[in-house]
């Protein structure tokens, strides 16, 4: 089966910033993403959970699969939001089927 190169971008950010982040991604031409709740984790400040240790609303993960040539625009848009708030951006290489959807 034919696969196509893509980039997987995972953005963890405070839940109240979800709307601002997804609007910035859409403005940058990102046509698809998935938003997932984040239950907890550990970072440079130690362990945290949704039970209020990181804001009252918790965190979300916004996951995008995009074509490599769209990566710079996505990262600029995401960093413009994440830079001023709690959050992190992760990037990995991926392969997808049905490249026309990305």
C-alpha atoms as a PDB file:
ATOM      1  CA  UNK A   1       0.000   0.000   0.000  1.00  0.00           C
ATOM      2  CA  UNK A   2       1.298   3.480  -0.876  1.00  0.00           C
ATOM      3  CA  UNK A   3       2.162   5.821   2.006  1.00  0.00           C
ATOM      4  CA  UNK A   4       3.016   9.522   1.905  1.00  0.00           C
ATOM      5  CA  UNK A   5       5.315  11.588   4.098  1.00  0.00           C
ATOM      6  CA  UNK A   6       3.634  13.852   6.646  1.00  0.00           C
ATOM      7  CA  UNK A   7       4.413  15.632   9.896  1.00  0.00           C
ATOM      8  CA  UNK A   8       2.589  14.973  13.146  1.00  0.00           C
ATOM      9  CA  UNK A   9       2.421  18.005  15.409  1.00  0.00           C
ATOM     10  CA  UNK A  10       1.179  17.702  18.991  1.00  0.00           C
ATOM     11  CA  UNK A  11       0.463  20.889  20.893  1.00  0.00           C
ATOM     12  CA  UNK A  12      -0.282  20.676  24.611  1.00  0.00           C
ATOM     13  CA  UNK A  13      -1.822  23.892  25.920  1.00  0.00           C
ATOM     14  CA  UNK A  14      -4.116  25.203  28.648  1.00  0.00           C
ATOM     15  CA  UNK A  15      -7.726  24.368  27.767  1.00  0.00           C
ATOM     16  CA  UNK A  16      -8.924  28.007  27.760  1.00  0.00           C
ATOM     17  CA  UNK A  17      -6.453  28.712  24.929  1.00  0.00           C
ATOM     18  CA  UNK A  18      -7.882  26.006  22.654  1.00  0.00           C
ATOM     19  CA  UNK A  19     -10.070  28.400  20.657  1.00  0.00           C
ATOM     20  CA  UNK A  20      -7.271  30.900  20.114  1.00  0.00           C
ATOM     21  CA  UNK A  21      -4.887  28.124  19.045  1.00  0.00           C
ATOM     22  CA  UNK A  22      -7.285  26.428  16.629  1.00  0.00           C
ATOM     23  CA  UNK A  23      -8.265  29.796  15.105  1.00  0.00           C
ATOM     24  CA  UNK A  24      -4.568  30.578  14.537  1.00  0.00           C
ATOM     25  CA  UNK A  25      -4.044  27.161  12.924  1.00  0.00           C
ATOM     26  CA  UNK A  26      -7.026  27.632  10.606  1.00  0.00           C
ATOM     27  CA  UNK A  27      -5.775  31.105   9.627  1.00  0.00           C
ATOM     28  CA  UNK A  28      -2.412  29.503   8.774  1.00  0.00           C
ATOM     29  CA  UNK A  29      -4.135  27.072   6.392  1.00  0.00           C
ATOM     30  CA  UNK A  30      -4.317  23.983   8.605  1.00  0.00           C
ATOM     31  CA  UNK A  31      -7.359  22.071   7.381  1.00  0.00           C
ATOM     32  CA  UNK A  32      -7.627  19.443  10.080  1.00  0.00           C
ATOM     33  CA  UNK A  33      -6.767  18.745  13.691  1.00  0.00           C
ATOM     34  CA  UNK A  34      -7.998  16.703  16.634  1.00  0.00           C
ATOM     35  CA  UNK A  35      -8.470  18.057  20.159  1.00  0.00           C
ATOM     36  CA  UNK A  36      -8.064  15.648  23.066  1.00  0.00           C
ATOM     37  CA  UNK A  37      -8.356  16.150  26.832  1.00  0.00           C
ATOM     38  CA  UNK A  38      -5.123  15.747  28.797  1.00  0.00           C
ATOM     39  CA  UNK A  39      -5.593  14.007  32.135  1.00  0.00           C
ATOM     40  CA  UNK A  40      -2.212  14.777  33.666  1.00  0.00           C
ATOM     41  CA  UNK A  41       1.506  14.462  33.251  1.00  0.00           C
ATOM     42  CA  UNK A  42       4.872  15.616  34.425  1.00  0.00           C
ATOM     43  CA  UNK A  43       6.967  18.580  33.330  1.00  0.00           C
ATOM     44  CA  UNK A  44       9.738  20.840  34.536  1.00  0.00           C
ATOM     45  CA  UNK A  45       7.584  21.865  37.516  1.00  0.00           C
ATOM     46  CA  UNK A  46       6.822  18.253  38.482  1.00  0.00           C
ATOM     47  CA  UNK A  47       3.697  16.112  38.263  1.00  0.00           C
ATOM     48  CA  UNK A  48       0.305  17.659  37.603  1.00  0.00           C
ATOM     49  CA  UNK A  49      -3.268  16.529  37.006  1.00  0.00           C
ATOM     50  CA  UNK A  50      -6.589  17.918  35.818  1.00  0.00           C
ATOM     51  CA  UNK A  51      -7.632  18.211  39.454  1.00  0.00           C
ATOM     52  CA  UNK A  52      -6.556  21.835  39.528  1.00  0.00           C
ATOM     53  CA  UNK A  53      -2.778  21.815  39.684  1.00  0.00           C
ATOM     54  CA  UNK A  54      -2.560  23.440  36.229  1.00  0.00           C
ATOM     55  CA  UNK A  55      -5.388  25.930  36.049  1.00  0.00           C
ATOM     56  CA  UNK A  56      -8.994  25.053  36.736  1.00  0.00           C
ATOM     57  CA  UNK A  57      -9.753  23.984  33.184  1.00  0.00           C
ATOM     58  CA  UNK A  58      -6.821  21.617  32.661  1.00  0.00           C
ATOM     59  CA  UNK A  59      -4.936  21.056  29.446  1.00  0.00           C
ATOM     60  CA  UNK A  60      -5.764  19.853  25.930  1.00  0.00           C
ATOM     61  CA  UNK A  61      -3.716  18.229  23.183  1.00  0.00           C
ATOM     62  CA  UNK A  62      -4.223  19.480  19.638  1.00  0.00           C
ATOM     63  CA  UNK A  63      -2.909  16.927  17.129  1.00  0.00           C
ATOM     64  CA  UNK A  64      -2.324  17.735  13.451  1.00  0.00           C
ATOM     65  CA  UNK A  65      -1.125  15.624  10.529  1.00  0.00           C
ATOM     66  CA  UNK A  66       0.073  17.867   7.703  1.00  0.00           C
ATOM     67  CA  UNK A  67       2.160  17.903   4.566  1.00  0.00           C
ATOM     68  CA  UNK A  68       5.801  18.799   5.262  1.00  0.00           C
ATOM     69  CA  UNK A  69       5.610  21.945   3.089  1.00  0.00           C
ATOM     70  CA  UNK A  70       2.912  23.372   5.421  1.00  0.00           C
ATOM     71  CA  UNK A  71       4.936  22.802   8.596  1.00  0.00           C
ATOM     72  CA  UNK A  72       6.559  26.238   8.925  1.00  0.00           C
ATOM     73  CA  UNK A  73       3.231  28.084   8.763  1.00  0.00           C
ATOM     74  CA  UNK A  74       1.689  25.767  11.343  1.00  0.00           C
ATOM     75  CA  UNK A  75       4.631  26.127  13.728  1.00  0.00           C
ATOM     76  CA  UNK A  76       4.666  29.921  13.451  1.00  0.00           C
ATOM     77  CA  UNK A  77       0.924  30.075  14.169  1.00  0.00           C
ATOM     78  CA  UNK A  78       1.134  27.626  17.085  1.00  0.00           C
ATOM     79  CA  UNK A  79       4.186  29.249  18.649  1.00  0.00           C
ATOM     80  CA  UNK A  80       2.491  32.632  18.460  1.00  0.00           C
ATOM     81  CA  UNK A  81      -0.081  31.281  20.939  1.00  0.00           C
ATOM     82  CA  UNK A  82       1.978  28.830  23.006  1.00  0.00           C
ATOM     83  CA  UNK A  83       4.860  31.267  23.550  1.00  0.00           C
ATOM     84  CA  UNK A  84       2.848  33.335  26.031  1.00  0.00           C
ATOM     85  CA  UNK A  85       1.183  30.447  27.897  1.00  0.00           C
ATOM     86  CA  UNK A  86       1.854  27.087  29.501  1.00  0.00           C
ATOM     87  CA  UNK A  87       2.346  24.602  26.678  1.00  0.00           C
ATOM     88  CA  UNK A  88       4.666  22.580  24.519  1.00  0.00           C
ATOM     89  CA  UNK A  89       4.876  21.670  20.819  1.00  0.00           C
ATOM     90  CA  UNK A  90       6.122  18.257  19.693  1.00  0.00           C
ATOM     91  CA  UNK A  91       6.962  17.242  16.133  1.00  0.00           C
ATOM     92  CA  UNK A  92       7.491  13.799  14.590  1.00  0.00           C
ATOM     93  CA  UNK A  93       7.798  12.345  11.121  1.00  0.00           C
ATOM     94  CA  UNK A  94       4.787  10.322  10.008  1.00  0.00           C
ATOM     95  CA  UNK A  95       3.411   8.504   7.002  1.00  0.00           C
ATOM     96  CA  UNK A  96      -0.214   8.612   5.945  1.00  0.00           C
ATOM     97  CA  UNK A  97      -2.550   6.897   3.547  1.00  0.00           C
ATOM     98  CA  UNK A  98      -4.899   9.011   1.397  1.00  0.00           C
ATOM     99  CA  UNK A  99      -2.562  12.010   1.070  1.00  0.00           C
ATOM    100  CA  UNK A 100      -5.293  14.021  -0.661  1.00  0.00           C
ATOM    101  CA  UNK A 101      -6.859  14.570   2.784  1.00  0.00           C
ATOM    102  CA  UNK A 102      -3.838  16.494   4.034  1.00  0.00           C
END
